[in-house]
Protein backbone atom coordinates (compact mmCIF):
# COMPACT_ATOMS: atom_id res chain seq x y z
CA MET A 1 0.87 -57.92 -21.68
CA HIS A 2 4.39 -57.54 -21.78
CA PHE A 3 3.39 -54.47 -24.66
CA PHE A 4 0.56 -52.59 -23.18
CA PRO A 5 2.34 -51.03 -20.61
CA PHE A 6 5.19 -49.94 -23.92
CA LEU A 7 2.58 -49.41 -25.56
CA LEU A 8 -0.33 -46.98 -23.31
CA GLY A 9 3.29 -45.31 -22.64
CA ASN A 10 3.85 -44.58 -26.45
CA LYS A 11 0.88 -43.25 -26.60
CA ILE A 12 0.53 -41.07 -23.48
CA TYR A 13 4.34 -40.09 -24.97
CA ARG A 14 2.63 -38.84 -28.63
CA ILE A 15 0.27 -36.74 -26.92
CA GLU A 16 2.16 -35.36 -24.77
CA GLY A 17 4.57 -34.97 -27.69
CA MET A 18 1.73 -33.88 -29.00
CA LYS A 19 1.13 -30.97 -26.78
CA LEU A 20 3.71 -29.54 -26.67
CA GLN A 21 3.19 -29.43 -30.24
CA ASN A 22 0.46 -27.69 -29.71
CA LYS A 23 1.18 -24.52 -27.99
CA PHE A 24 4.45 -24.57 -29.52
CA LEU A 25 2.10 -24.10 -33.22
CA LEU A 26 0.09 -21.76 -30.66
CA VAL A 27 3.04 -19.43 -29.44
CA ALA A 28 4.53 -19.31 -33.07
CA THR A 29 1.21 -18.16 -34.31
CA PHE A 30 1.06 -15.44 -31.50
CA MET A 31 4.37 -14.23 -31.90
CA GLY A 32 3.52 -14.30 -36.16
CA LEU A 33 0.27 -11.76 -35.47
CA ILE A 34 2.88 -9.53 -33.72
CA SER A 35 4.29 -9.12 -35.85
CA VAL A 36 2.58 -9.64 -38.29
CA ALA A 37 0.92 -6.20 -36.52
CA ASN A 38 4.18 -5.20 -35.40
CA SER A 39 5.15 -4.25 -39.29
CA SER A 40 1.40 -2.63 -40.13
CA LEU A 41 1.73 -0.56 -37.43
CA TYR A 42 5.43 0.69 -38.14
CA SER A 43 4.53 0.70 -41.42
CA GLN A 44 1.89 3.81 -40.97
CA GLU A 45 5.20 6.21 -39.67
CA PHE A 46 5.70 9.11 -42.54
CA SER A 47 9.52 9.55 -43.07
CA ASN A 48 8.46 12.86 -45.17
CA GLU A 49 6.84 15.92 -44.90
CA THR A 50 6.45 19.18 -46.38
CA GLY A 51 5.21 22.55 -45.73
CA PHE A 52 5.40 26.07 -46.15
CA ALA A 53 7.50 28.85 -43.49
CA LEU A 54 6.72 31.77 -42.30
CA GLY A 55 8.63 34.11 -39.75
CA VAL A 56 11.28 36.84 -40.09
CA SER A 57 14.69 37.47 -40.68
CA SER A 58 16.93 39.79 -39.26
CA TYR A 59 20.92 41.23 -40.40
CA MET A 60 24.19 41.45 -38.50
CA GLY A 61 27.21 43.21 -39.54
CA ASP A 62 29.01 46.59 -39.70
CA ALA A 63 26.00 48.03 -38.30
CA ASN A 64 24.53 46.09 -36.49
CA LYS A 65 27.37 43.65 -34.42
CA SER A 66 25.18 42.50 -31.37
CA ARG A 67 21.29 43.51 -31.61
CA PHE A 68 20.16 39.79 -32.27
CA PHE A 69 15.92 40.94 -34.07
CA TYR A 70 17.63 44.41 -35.31
CA ASN A 71 15.47 46.03 -37.77
CA PRO A 72 13.67 42.37 -38.87
CA GLY A 73 12.66 42.17 -42.61
CA LEU A 74 9.10 39.49 -43.44
CA ALA A 75 11.07 36.35 -44.83
CA GLY A 76 9.47 32.96 -45.61
CA GLY A 77 9.55 30.47 -48.22
CA MET A 78 8.98 25.98 -48.82
CA VAL A 79 10.31 23.41 -46.45
CA PHE A 80 10.89 19.74 -47.36
CA ARG A 81 11.90 17.24 -43.83
CA TYR A 82 13.73 13.05 -44.36
CA ASN A 83 12.45 11.46 -41.01
CA PHE A 84 16.15 9.20 -41.32
CA SER A 85 14.85 8.19 -36.88
CA PHE A 86 12.92 8.88 -34.52
CA HIS A 87 16.19 11.08 -33.24
CA TRP A 88 17.37 12.01 -37.07
CA ALA A 89 16.48 14.57 -39.59
CA LEU A 90 17.39 15.79 -42.97
CA LYS A 91 16.17 19.40 -44.05
CA ALA A 92 16.26 21.10 -47.10
CA ASN A 93 15.13 24.66 -46.85
CA LEU A 94 14.58 27.56 -50.46
CA LEU A 95 13.96 30.70 -48.40
CA ALA A 96 13.63 34.41 -49.42
CA GLY A 97 13.69 36.86 -47.13
CA GLN A 98 14.57 40.85 -46.30
CA VAL A 99 17.38 42.14 -44.88
CA TYR A 100 17.97 46.81 -43.24
CA GLY A 101 21.15 48.13 -41.73
CA ASP A 102 22.00 51.56 -40.65
CA THR A 103 24.79 52.79 -39.19
CA ARG A 104 22.92 55.46 -37.62
CA ASP A 105 22.13 52.75 -35.27
CA SER A 106 25.64 52.02 -34.93
CA ASP A 107 27.51 52.06 -32.00
CA ASN A 108 30.40 51.13 -33.55
CA ALA A 109 32.32 54.99 -34.67
CA PHE A 110 34.07 54.39 -38.53
CA PRO A 111 36.84 56.50 -39.25
CA THR A 112 35.21 58.87 -41.77
CA SER A 113 32.24 59.59 -39.17
CA GLU A 114 30.17 58.91 -42.94
CA GLN A 115 27.11 57.30 -42.46
CA ILE A 116 24.69 54.83 -44.70
CA ASP A 117 21.92 52.31 -44.77
CA PHE A 118 21.21 49.67 -46.97
CA LYS A 119 18.16 47.31 -47.79
CA ARG A 120 18.39 44.08 -48.81
CA SER A 121 16.47 41.25 -50.48
CA PHE A 122 17.84 38.16 -50.23
CA ALA A 123 17.16 33.96 -51.79
CA GLU A 124 18.48 30.62 -50.23
CA VAL A 125 19.02 27.34 -50.04
CA GLY A 126 20.58 24.90 -47.80
CA THR A 127 20.10 21.76 -46.05
CA HIS A 128 19.93 20.75 -42.59
CA ILE A 129 21.14 17.67 -40.09
CA GLU A 130 19.27 17.55 -37.64
CA TRP A 131 18.94 15.87 -34.27
CA ASN A 132 15.83 15.65 -32.04
CA PHE A 133 16.83 15.69 -28.02
CA LEU A 134 13.70 13.41 -27.73
CA PRO A 135 12.12 10.24 -30.37
CA TYR A 136 9.51 12.44 -32.25
CA SER A 137 6.59 10.67 -32.62
CA ASN A 138 2.62 10.52 -31.96
CA LYS A 139 2.70 6.07 -32.42
CA TYR A 140 4.64 4.38 -30.01
CA ARG A 141 4.63 5.38 -26.84
CA TYR A 142 6.09 2.15 -25.75
CA LEU A 143 9.49 3.42 -27.38
CA GLY A 144 9.53 6.11 -25.72
CA THR A 145 8.46 8.42 -28.05
CA ARG A 146 7.28 12.09 -28.11
CA SER A 147 4.34 14.30 -30.19
CA TYR A 148 6.71 17.68 -28.81
CA THR A 149 10.69 17.73 -29.06
CA PRO A 150 12.99 20.40 -28.84
CA TYR A 151 16.09 20.10 -31.87
CA LEU A 152 19.99 21.30 -32.38
CA PHE A 153 20.89 22.06 -36.70
CA VAL A 154 23.74 22.71 -38.56
CA GLY A 155 24.10 22.65 -42.43
CA ALA A 156 25.20 24.66 -45.14
CA GLY A 157 23.65 27.13 -48.25
CA LEU A 158 24.49 29.40 -50.64
CA THR A 159 22.31 32.68 -50.71
CA TYR A 160 22.72 34.92 -52.72
CA ALA A 161 21.27 38.14 -53.01
CA PRO A 162 20.35 40.74 -56.13
CA LYS A 163 21.59 44.20 -56.42
CA GLU A 164 22.89 47.43 -58.13
CA ARG A 165 26.06 45.35 -56.60
CA ASN A 166 25.10 41.22 -56.76
CA PHE A 167 26.21 39.68 -53.45
CA VAL A 168 27.01 35.22 -54.55
CA ASP A 169 28.04 33.26 -50.79
CA LEU A 170 28.17 29.80 -48.83
CA HIS A 171 26.52 30.07 -45.59
CA ILE A 172 26.59 28.04 -42.64
CA PRO A 173 23.16 28.26 -41.09
CA PHE A 174 23.15 26.99 -37.89
CA GLY A 175 20.49 26.84 -34.83
CA ILE A 176 18.04 25.80 -32.34
CA GLY A 177 13.68 25.28 -32.64
CA MET A 178 10.42 23.27 -31.21
CA LYS A 179 8.65 21.13 -32.96
CA PHE A 180 5.43 19.49 -32.27
CA LYS A 181 3.25 17.04 -33.74
CA LEU A 182 -1.04 17.20 -34.40
CA LYS A 183 -3.46 15.31 -35.82
CA ASN A 184 -3.94 14.31 -39.47
CA ARG A 185 -0.06 14.69 -39.92
CA PHE A 186 1.17 17.68 -39.86
CA ASN A 187 4.01 19.16 -37.67
CA ILE A 188 4.39 22.35 -36.49
CA ALA A 189 8.08 24.01 -35.37
CA LEU A 190 9.99 27.61 -33.93
CA GLU A 191 13.95 27.88 -34.77
CA TYR A 192 15.84 30.16 -34.96
CA SER A 193 18.99 30.61 -37.08
CA LEU A 194 22.22 32.04 -37.20
CA ARG A 195 23.26 32.51 -40.79
CA LYS A 196 27.65 32.22 -41.48
CA LEU A 197 28.87 34.71 -44.07
CA PHE A 198 32.32 34.18 -45.67
CA ILE A 199 32.48 37.63 -46.83
CA ASP A 200 32.31 41.20 -45.25
CA ASP A 201 29.70 42.46 -48.18
CA PHE A 202 26.49 41.10 -47.21
CA ASP A 203 25.83 44.73 -46.24
CA VAL A 204 27.44 47.07 -49.71
CA THR A 205 24.28 47.29 -51.95
CA HIS A 206 25.67 49.85 -54.54
CA ALA A 207 29.02 49.93 -56.88
CA THR A 208 31.28 52.20 -54.90
CA GLN A 209 34.87 53.22 -55.04
CA GLY A 210 34.43 55.23 -52.43
CA TRP A 211 33.97 53.80 -48.80
CA SER A 212 32.01 51.25 -47.59
CA LEU A 213 30.57 49.20 -45.27
CA ASN A 214 33.39 46.62 -46.66
CA GLN A 215 36.15 46.67 -44.86
CA PRO A 216 35.20 49.93 -42.90
CA TYR A 217 38.17 50.38 -41.33
CA GLY A 218 40.71 48.98 -43.99
CA ILE A 219 40.97 45.68 -42.58
CA GLY A 220 41.00 43.00 -44.63
CA SER A 221 38.86 39.84 -43.80
CA SER A 222 39.43 36.24 -42.14
CA LEU A 223 37.43 33.48 -41.23
CA LEU A 224 36.72 34.03 -37.50
CA LYS A 225 36.46 38.15 -38.61
CA ASN A 226 34.51 41.24 -40.01
CA GLN A 227 31.83 38.83 -42.46
CA ASP A 228 28.42 39.79 -42.18
CA TRP A 229 25.96 37.49 -40.87
CA TYR A 230 21.87 37.44 -40.52
CA SER A 231 19.77 34.76 -38.52
CA ILE A 232 16.35 33.59 -39.59
CA THR A 233 13.27 33.04 -36.77
CA MET A 234 10.48 31.26 -38.60
CA LEU A 235 7.46 29.05 -38.09
CA CYS A 236 6.59 25.84 -39.87
CA LEU A 237 4.19 23.71 -41.02
CA THR A 238 4.69 21.29 -42.53
CA TRP A 239 2.58 18.01 -44.00
CA ASP A 240 3.44 13.66 -43.22
CA PHE A 241 3.43 11.67 -46.55
CA GLY A 242 5.76 8.46 -47.85
CA LEU A 243 4.67 5.40 -45.38
CA ARG A 244 7.97 3.56 -44.27
CA ASP A 245 8.28 0.19 -44.93
CA ASP A 246 11.67 -0.72 -43.53
CA PRO A 247 9.83 -1.98 -39.86
CA CYS A 248 12.39 -1.89 -37.58
CA HIS A 249 13.35 2.20 -38.70
CA GLY A 250 12.58 3.37 -34.59
CA ASN A 251 14.80 1.25 -32.88
C-alpha cells in the first residue's frame, strides 16, 4: 500500500514528462520545417543580373558649360550587376556612345574668336557601387522589401575615344536612377550619370599646333578646373540568374 501512491505518482510524472517531450519535439519539428522553408525560400533569390542598356550621351566642357542634354548622341552597351543585399549592389558597364560640340552654341567668349566643332565616338568600361534607398526585391514582403527603388551610385572607369588625336583617361561616374522588378526575373532601370574626366582634351579630335579647346584660355587645367565631362542617360533591362546559397543575405 505504501508503494502504490509512489508508483502512481511516478507514473503520472512519466506521463507528464512524455507530454512535455512530445510538445518539445512538436515545436522543434515545426521550427525545423520553418527553417527549411525559409532556407528554400531564400535560395530562390538571384544574386546576379545581366542585360543591355540603351540611351543617349552628351558632352559638357568648354563648348558647353551648362546644358545637360546638349546635342545628345546614341549610347548603349552591356550591364552586369551583383547584388550583395537588398540595399547594396556592384555594377559593371561596357558602353559606347557619341558626343558632339560646337563653340557657336556656347555662351563663352574665346580669346581668338575662332569657332570649332567636333564629333567624337567613345567606349568605356566602369564599375559602380549602388545603394538602394529601399530594400529591393519582389519577395520577402515580411522584411519590408519593395519591387521598386530609387538608387545612387559612384565608381571608377576608363574612357577611350579614337580619332586623329586619340583620347584615353580615367573617369569618375556618379548618378541617380530608378529600378523596378518585373515578372519572370526581369528588371528595368532608368538612370542619369555624369562622368568626370581628368584631362581637358576630350573635345579635341584633331592634331593641331594652333588654338583648340584644350586649355582654350591658355590656362593650365587642374583637378577641379577645365576638365571635360560627359553624361549618359540610359534605360537598362536585365535578367536575374545565379541562385543565392546564403539564407541570411537579406538580413
